[in-house]
Every structure is written in C-alpha cells, then in structure tokens.
Amino acid sequence: MASTSSRTLELLSLLQGRRHWPGALLAERLGVSARTLRRDVDRLRELGYPLRAQPGVDGGYALAPGATLPPLVVDDDEATALAVAVQSHLASGYADEAGLRALTKIVQVLPRRLRARLDAVRGASTPTSWRSTAAAPVDHDVLTTLALACRDSERVRFGYRSLEGTRSARRVEPLQLVPLGQRWYLVGYDLDRGDWRTFRIDRIGDAAGTGVPFAPRTPPSDDVGAFVRERVAGGAGGGRYRVEVVVQASTESVRASVGRWADVEPTAPTSCRMTMETDALEGPLFALGSIGAEFTVLAPPELARLALDWGARLTRAGRSDDGA
C-alpha cells in the first residue's frame, strides 16, 4: 500500500480528473478499504479541499467548487500542456504578470525530462495572433530566468542587442519585469555602466543566473511601471513608431476595444487621445478600424498614409461590389 501522503496526492488527482467517483471504485483504484478512503477524504477536507460525499450503496465523492483555489495536482502531459499554453500566450504578445507568474511556477518545478519535452513541443509550435505583426516574441527561458533572479535578488548576465543592432554583454542586478503594451521590459542596475537601465526582453539572449546575491538598491522610481513608460517614450527601448491618434469616442469605449495595448486619455466627454509604441502600423490601424468611430492621426505620418491607402482600397472594393 502506498504511503499516506502519496495516496492522498493520488486521491486528489483522481478527484480532479473526474466529476464523480463511486466510493467502491475509488477505493479499488487506491487499493484501500472504504474506511481508509473516508479518512483520506477527511484529510483533504482539513487541507481546504471542498469534497461532497453522497451516502448510500451507490454513493461516492466529488470535488466541489470552493471559496479559494487549492493547489492542483497535474500529471506529466497536463503540466506540459499548461506550460506550452502559457508560453504561447506570452510569446504572442500578451504581456501580463499573471501569465509570467504561472509560467515561472510551472517551469521551475518541471523535471528535466519534461523540460526537454516542453522545448520540443515549443520548437514545433507557431503561435499566431492578429496582433503578432506588432508583438515582440518572447522566450520563456529568458522570462523565467529573469523572473527567478528578480525574486531571489540574484545577479544575471546576458547578451543584449540595441535598436541599432549593436550587441553587448551585460551584468545586471534585476529589479522587476514590467509588461507594457505588447512587450516585456526588465528594469535593473547595470553594473558595468553604474546606472539603472531598461531592457527589452525580446532583445535579450543567453540569460543566466550567476549565483551571486546582491543587496537591494533604492529603486529608480517609486513607480517602476511609470519609469519604464518614461524611458520608452524617450526612445530608450520603445518601438519603431509612436502612434498618437484622437478618436471621436468615449475613453471607456476605446479602452474596451484596445485594452492594455495603448494608453487612452480623455480630451473631451466624447473624444480621447490614444498613444502606443509599435514596430508595425497594421495592428494599430486594424484596432482603430474596429472601434467604429472617426479618428484623426497626429503621428506618425506613415500611419496617415497607410490609412489613406487602406481607405482607397476599401472604397474600390465597395464600388466593385455595387457594380456586380
């Protein structure tokens, strides 16, 4: 018979994989008596898992929704699928801290055999999204390495490619990872340059922890996110284009359409200014078209020309349809 702790984990895994288990079948799968099964169920309840018990000859057990989310137990295939899904979510440009935390937790505990499987699946997968033309791809190994170093206050080293393509080696004391628009940024203290720097994650390669801890420094700003925004706006790691558009729609409706991909500030009760950084203009123009409101392009001029080109082609398409 398995130990009590391993049997409890197996019981939890079985309950999470099926809506309802007949008591007799569940006891048989675990190789225990009905009395031992009841004790194991009580042990899970003490740990915070809400379990429903149906009495009677045909009774059984089911895992019910609870007020809090208890730890999940997943098998090898499920762990790999979760890691691939979250990595694809981030690599498609959906930069968010919750996704990074989830990926870090999963990858950190994966045994070597599952890391190899994850790399194989990831290498054979091509995540796609309509936003991908403007999204900067991210590497889950780089993200997790930097995330763990931020958490553990461990110095890291990596190669960095500037906007002009110049490559350099960096030694950094990482402070925080910041998602902004469709990119990830690292804020850290550059030991060779003696100052705080902002690094675009998609330009970082060969990131590795050094095993050297460091004492926390005074952050460059009380709001690290605002620090990154200021650096990006000033050209320190932003996209190729800075888009500025006035939209004749309420701030709330525009924010609902573009979400975190742009900054939206009101200019009047029925208009707002939308700004964002991007390497490609097709994504912002598609988003503006989907809002369904009039807009005026303030910058860059390339976006205005692209809007005129799209408008002319759409007009021709409409005229050809009328003559059909």
Protein backbone atom coordinates (compact mmCIF):
# COMPACT_ATOMS: atom_id res chain seq x y z
CA MET A 1 0.00 0.00 0.00
CA ALA A 2 1.26 3.48 -0.82
CA SER A 3 2.20 5.87 1.97
CA THR A 4 -0.49 8.13 3.35
CA SER A 5 0.94 11.28 1.72
CA SER A 6 1.41 9.75 -1.73
CA ARG A 7 -2.03 8.12 -1.54
CA THR A 8 -3.58 11.47 -0.63
CA LEU A 9 -1.99 13.08 -3.70
CA GLU A 10 -3.22 10.22 -5.88
CA LEU A 11 -6.72 10.62 -4.45
CA LEU A 12 -6.65 14.33 -5.17
CA SER A 13 -5.50 13.70 -8.74
CA LEU A 14 -8.32 11.22 -9.32
CA LEU A 15 -10.94 13.57 -7.90
CA GLN A 16 -9.71 16.44 -10.08
CA GLY A 17 -9.89 14.30 -13.20
CA ARG A 18 -13.49 13.11 -12.92
CA ARG A 19 -16.73 14.78 -11.93
CA HIS A 20 -17.92 11.99 -9.61
CA TRP A 21 -16.35 8.83 -8.27
CA PRO A 22 -18.36 5.91 -6.82
CA GLY A 23 -16.91 5.13 -3.43
CA ALA A 24 -16.27 1.45 -4.15
CA LEU A 25 -14.49 2.19 -7.44
CA LEU A 26 -12.39 4.92 -5.87
CA ALA A 27 -11.31 2.63 -3.01
CA GLU A 28 -10.46 -0.06 -5.54
CA ARG A 29 -8.31 2.31 -7.62
CA LEU A 30 -6.41 3.32 -4.49
CA GLY A 31 -6.17 -0.21 -3.13
CA VAL A 32 -7.65 0.69 0.25
CA SER A 33 -10.72 -0.10 2.32
CA ALA A 34 -13.81 2.10 2.44
CA ARG A 35 -12.83 3.15 5.98
CA THR A 36 -9.33 4.24 4.88
CA LEU A 37 -10.86 6.11 1.94
CA ARG A 38 -13.09 8.07 4.32
CA ARG A 39 -10.05 9.03 6.42
CA ASP A 40 -8.19 10.19 3.30
CA VAL A 41 -11.20 12.26 2.24
CA ASP A 42 -11.32 13.87 5.69
CA ARG A 43 -7.61 14.66 5.40
CA LEU A 44 -8.20 16.50 2.11
CA ARG A 45 -11.03 18.46 3.70
CA GLU A 46 -8.69 19.54 6.50
CA LEU A 47 -6.32 20.84 3.82
CA GLY A 48 -9.07 23.02 2.40
CA TYR A 49 -10.45 20.92 -0.45
CA PRO A 50 -14.28 21.03 -0.59
CA LEU A 51 -15.44 17.43 -1.07
CA ARG A 52 -19.01 16.30 -1.43
CA ALA A 53 -19.98 12.86 -0.16
CA GLN A 54 -23.09 11.08 -1.41
CA PRO A 55 -24.19 8.42 1.12
CA GLY A 56 -25.72 5.06 0.28
CA VAL A 57 -24.77 1.92 -1.58
CA ASP A 58 -24.28 3.83 -4.84
CA GLY A 59 -22.75 6.82 -3.12
CA GLY A 60 -19.42 8.38 -3.85
CA TYR A 61 -17.30 11.51 -3.77
CA ALA A 62 -16.94 14.65 -5.86
CA LEU A 63 -14.68 17.69 -5.69
CA ALA A 64 -16.86 20.78 -5.34
CA PRO A 65 -16.04 24.41 -6.19
CA GLY A 66 -14.62 26.25 -3.21
CA ALA A 67 -14.25 29.81 -1.98
CA THR A 68 -10.48 29.64 -2.62
CA LEU A 69 -8.38 27.79 -5.19
CA PRO A 70 -6.46 24.96 -3.53
CA PRO A 71 -3.29 23.51 -5.09
CA LEU A 72 -3.88 21.44 -8.23
CA VAL A 73 -2.28 18.10 -8.99
CA VAL A 74 -1.43 17.52 -12.65
CA ASP A 75 0.28 14.69 -14.49
CA ASP A 76 3.17 14.97 -16.97
CA ASP A 77 1.01 15.58 -20.04
CA GLU A 78 -1.11 18.17 -18.25
CA ALA A 79 1.93 20.05 -16.92
CA THR A 80 3.48 20.18 -20.39
CA ALA A 81 0.21 21.34 -21.94
CA LEU A 82 -0.15 24.10 -19.35
CA ALA A 83 3.41 25.33 -19.87
CA VAL A 84 3.04 25.34 -23.66
CA ALA A 85 -0.28 27.18 -23.47
CA VAL A 86 1.02 29.89 -21.14
CA GLN A 87 4.26 30.26 -23.11
CA SER A 88 2.30 30.63 -26.36
CA HIS A 89 0.07 33.19 -24.66
CA LEU A 90 3.10 35.29 -23.70
CA ALA A 91 5.01 34.75 -26.94
CA SER A 92 2.04 36.02 -28.94
CA GLY A 93 2.48 39.40 -27.32
CA TYR A 94 0.00 39.10 -24.46
CA ALA A 95 2.25 40.58 -21.82
CA ASP A 96 0.76 40.18 -18.37
CA GLU A 97 2.20 39.47 -14.93
CA ALA A 98 -0.25 36.68 -14.09
CA GLY A 99 0.85 34.69 -17.13
CA LEU A 100 4.50 35.15 -16.26
CA ARG A 101 3.95 34.07 -12.64
CA ALA A 102 2.11 30.96 -13.83
CA LEU A 103 4.84 30.06 -16.33
CA THR A 104 7.58 30.62 -13.76
CA LYS A 105 5.91 28.35 -11.24
CA ILE A 106 5.33 25.59 -13.79
CA VAL A 107 8.78 25.64 -15.41
CA GLN A 108 10.59 25.92 -12.07
CA VAL A 109 9.26 22.55 -10.87
CA LEU A 110 9.37 20.66 -14.17
CA PRO A 111 11.77 17.71 -14.07
CA ARG A 112 14.45 17.55 -16.76
CA ARG A 113 12.54 15.05 -18.91
CA LEU A 114 9.52 17.39 -19.05
CA ARG A 115 11.66 20.43 -19.82
CA ALA A 116 13.04 18.56 -22.82
CA ARG A 117 9.52 17.68 -23.91
CA LEU A 118 8.39 21.27 -23.48
CA ASP A 119 11.29 22.54 -25.61
CA ALA A 120 10.43 20.02 -28.34
CA VAL A 121 6.76 20.97 -28.40
CA ARG A 122 7.59 24.68 -28.26
CA GLY A 123 10.04 24.33 -31.14
CA ALA A 124 7.39 22.67 -33.29
CA SER A 125 4.69 25.23 -32.46
CA THR A 126 3.99 28.56 -34.12
CA PRO A 127 1.69 30.78 -32.03
CA THR A 128 -0.36 33.17 -34.13
CA SER A 129 -2.46 36.22 -33.41
CA TRP A 130 -3.72 39.20 -35.38
CA ARG A 131 -1.55 41.24 -33.04
CA SER A 132 1.56 39.27 -33.85
CA THR A 133 2.73 41.73 -36.52
CA ALA A 134 3.27 44.29 -33.77
CA ALA A 135 4.12 41.94 -30.92
CA ALA A 136 7.69 41.23 -29.91
CA PRO A 137 8.22 37.47 -29.40
CA VAL A 138 9.49 36.41 -26.00
CA ASP A 139 11.50 33.38 -24.93
CA HIS A 140 10.08 31.57 -21.93
CA ASP A 141 13.58 30.54 -20.79
CA VAL A 142 14.68 34.18 -20.69
CA LEU A 143 11.49 35.25 -18.92
CA THR A 144 11.67 32.59 -16.25
CA THR A 145 15.40 33.08 -15.68
CA LEU A 146 14.92 36.81 -15.15
CA ALA A 147 11.76 36.35 -13.06
CA LEU A 148 13.52 33.96 -10.68
CA ALA A 149 16.52 36.30 -10.45
CA CYS A 150 14.23 39.22 -9.56
CA ARG A 151 12.55 37.13 -6.91
CA ASP A 152 15.79 35.80 -5.41
CA SER A 153 17.86 39.03 -5.76
CA GLU A 154 20.44 37.21 -7.87
CA ARG A 155 22.75 38.88 -10.37
CA VAL A 156 22.30 37.84 -14.00
CA ARG A 157 24.36 38.07 -17.16
CA PHE A 158 23.04 38.17 -20.70
CA GLY A 159 23.70 39.36 -24.21
CA TYR A 160 21.80 42.45 -25.36
CA ARG A 161 21.06 43.81 -28.83
CA SER A 162 20.40 47.53 -29.14
CA LEU A 163 17.88 49.10 -31.52
CA GLU A 164 20.74 49.74 -33.96
CA GLY A 165 21.79 46.08 -33.79
CA THR A 166 24.88 46.56 -31.61
CA ARG A 167 25.49 43.61 -29.30
CA SER A 168 26.97 43.82 -25.83
CA ALA A 169 27.41 41.69 -22.71
CA ARG A 170 25.59 42.90 -19.61
CA ARG A 171 25.88 42.18 -15.89
CA VAL A 172 22.72 43.31 -14.15
CA GLU A 173 21.09 43.30 -10.73
CA PRO A 174 17.45 42.76 -11.80
CA LEU A 175 14.70 44.66 -10.02
CA GLN A 176 11.44 43.94 -11.80
CA LEU A 177 9.85 42.71 -15.01
CA VAL A 178 7.28 45.12 -16.44
CA PRO A 179 4.71 44.34 -19.18
CA LEU A 180 4.00 47.38 -21.33
CA GLY A 181 1.84 47.29 -24.43
CA GLN A 182 2.87 44.17 -26.31
CA ARG A 183 6.37 43.87 -24.80
CA TRP A 184 8.19 42.86 -21.66
CA TYR A 185 10.88 45.05 -20.10
CA LEU A 186 13.47 44.38 -17.42
CA VAL A 187 14.42 47.16 -15.03
CA GLY A 188 17.79 46.54 -13.44
CA TYR A 189 21.01 48.12 -12.25
CA ASP A 190 23.70 47.77 -14.91
CA LEU A 191 26.91 47.02 -13.01
CA ASP A 192 29.24 47.98 -15.88
CA ARG A 193 27.50 51.31 -16.56
CA GLY A 194 26.77 52.14 -12.94
CA ASP A 195 23.17 53.16 -13.51
CA TRP A 196 19.61 51.90 -13.80
CA ARG A 197 18.66 50.62 -17.24
CA THR A 198 15.55 49.37 -19.04
CA PHE A 199 16.00 46.35 -21.32
CA ARG A 200 13.55 44.99 -23.86
CA ILE A 201 13.20 41.27 -23.16
CA ASP A 202 12.96 40.32 -26.85
CA ARG A 203 16.48 41.77 -27.32
CA ILE A 204 17.98 39.68 -24.51
CA GLY A 205 19.72 36.40 -25.24
CA ASP A 206 21.58 33.73 -23.26
CA ALA A 207 20.26 34.95 -19.92
CA ALA A 208 21.70 33.09 -16.95
CA GLY A 209 21.83 33.46 -13.22
CA THR A 210 25.28 33.90 -11.69
CA GLY A 211 24.51 32.52 -8.26
CA VAL A 212 25.73 35.82 -6.76
CA PRO A 213 23.19 37.53 -4.47
CA PHE A 214 23.01 41.28 -4.10
CA ALA A 215 21.70 43.74 -1.55
CA PRO A 216 18.61 45.66 -2.68
CA ARG A 217 19.26 49.17 -4.04
CA THR A 218 16.94 52.15 -3.85
CA PRO A 219 14.66 51.80 -6.92
CA PRO A 220 14.95 54.48 -9.62
CA SER A 221 11.31 55.40 -9.02
CA ASP A 222 8.50 54.71 -6.58
CA ASP A 223 6.50 53.56 -9.62
CA VAL A 224 8.67 51.22 -11.70
CA GLY A 225 5.97 50.96 -14.36
CA ALA A 226 5.97 54.74 -14.78
CA PHE A 227 9.77 54.65 -15.00
CA VAL A 228 9.56 52.23 -17.94
CA ARG A 229 6.89 54.32 -19.66
CA GLU A 230 9.07 57.42 -19.41
CA ARG A 231 12.09 55.58 -20.78
CA VAL A 232 10.09 54.11 -23.65
CA ALA A 233 8.55 57.48 -24.50
CA GLY A 234 12.01 58.97 -24.55
CA GLY A 235 13.27 56.39 -27.01
CA ALA A 236 15.06 54.08 -24.57
CA GLY A 237 13.72 50.75 -25.83
CA GLY A 238 10.40 51.64 -27.44
CA GLY A 239 9.02 50.54 -30.77
CA ARG A 240 9.86 51.88 -34.20
CA TYR A 241 6.76 54.09 -34.22
CA ARG A 242 4.98 56.17 -31.61
CA VAL A 243 1.31 56.31 -32.55
CA GLU A 244 -0.82 59.28 -31.49
CA VAL A 245 -4.46 59.41 -32.56
CA VAL A 246 -7.54 61.39 -31.48
CA VAL A 247 -10.63 59.18 -31.55
CA GLN A 248 -14.16 60.58 -31.59
CA ALA A 249 -15.44 58.15 -28.98
CA SER A 250 -15.56 57.94 -25.22
CA THR A 251 -12.48 56.91 -23.30
CA GLU A 252 -14.30 53.89 -21.88
CA SER A 253 -15.33 52.52 -25.28
CA VAL A 254 -11.83 52.90 -26.75
CA ARG A 255 -10.21 51.28 -23.72
CA ALA A 256 -12.66 48.41 -24.03
CA SER A 257 -11.50 47.87 -27.63
CA VAL A 258 -7.74 48.29 -27.32
CA GLY A 259 -7.28 47.09 -23.73
CA ARG A 260 -3.71 47.29 -22.41
CA TRP A 261 -2.16 47.71 -25.85
CA ALA A 262 -2.41 51.51 -25.74
CA ASP A 263 -2.70 54.46 -23.36
CA VAL A 264 -6.06 56.21 -23.64
CA GLU A 265 -6.69 59.62 -22.07
CA PRO A 266 -9.85 61.76 -22.39
CA THR A 267 -9.71 65.03 -24.35
CA ALA A 268 -13.47 65.72 -24.15
CA PRO A 269 -16.59 63.83 -23.00
CA THR A 270 -16.90 62.20 -26.42
CA SER A 271 -13.27 62.05 -27.60
CA CYS A 272 -9.92 60.78 -26.39
CA ARG A 273 -6.24 60.54 -27.30
CA MET A 274 -4.76 57.09 -27.90
CA THR A 275 -0.98 56.55 -27.83
CA MET A 276 1.09 53.42 -28.22
CA GLU A 277 4.51 52.11 -29.25
CA THR A 278 4.73 49.64 -32.12
CA ASP A 279 7.10 48.18 -34.70
CA ALA A 280 4.31 47.74 -37.28
CA LEU A 281 1.39 50.04 -38.09
CA GLU A 282 -1.08 47.47 -39.39
CA GLY A 283 -2.11 46.38 -35.88
CA PRO A 284 -2.98 49.86 -34.57
CA LEU A 285 -4.86 50.71 -37.78
CA PHE A 286 -6.85 47.48 -37.58
CA ALA A 287 -7.71 48.28 -33.96
CA LEU A 288 -8.78 51.82 -34.87
CA GLY A 289 -10.98 50.50 -37.67
CA SER A 290 -12.65 48.01 -35.33
CA ILE A 291 -13.65 50.78 -32.89
CA GLY A 292 -16.16 52.10 -35.44
CA ALA A 293 -15.57 55.82 -34.79
CA GLU A 294 -13.98 58.75 -36.60
CA PHE A 295 -10.33 59.37 -35.77
CA THR A 296 -7.53 61.77 -36.67
CA VAL A 297 -3.92 60.64 -36.97
CA LEU A 298 -1.49 63.01 -35.21
CA ALA A 299 1.59 60.81 -35.63
CA PRO A 300 3.38 59.23 -37.33
CA PRO A 301 2.82 60.37 -40.92
CA GLU A 302 3.33 56.78 -42.09
CA LEU A 303 0.14 55.81 -40.27
CA ALA A 304 -1.81 58.56 -42.01
CA ARG A 305 -0.55 57.37 -45.41
CA LEU A 306 -1.39 53.76 -44.56
CA ALA A 307 -4.92 54.81 -43.52
CA LEU A 308 -5.38 56.60 -46.86
CA ASP A 309 -4.14 53.54 -48.74
CA TRP A 310 -6.48 51.20 -46.84
CA GLY A 311 -9.38 53.62 -47.33
CA ALA A 312 -8.82 53.82 -51.09
CA ARG A 313 -8.67 50.05 -51.45
CA LEU A 314 -11.79 49.55 -49.32
CA THR A 315 -13.62 52.17 -51.37
CA ARG A 316 -12.68 50.41 -54.61
CA ALA A 317 -13.83 47.12 -53.14
CA GLY A 318 -17.19 48.66 -52.25
CA ARG A 319 -17.64 50.11 -55.74
CA SER A 320 -16.84 46.82 -57.42
CA ASP A 321 -19.42 45.12 -55.22
CA ASP A 322 -22.08 47.69 -56.26
CA GLY A 323 -21.43 47.01 -59.92
CA ALA A 324 -21.58 43.25 -59.59
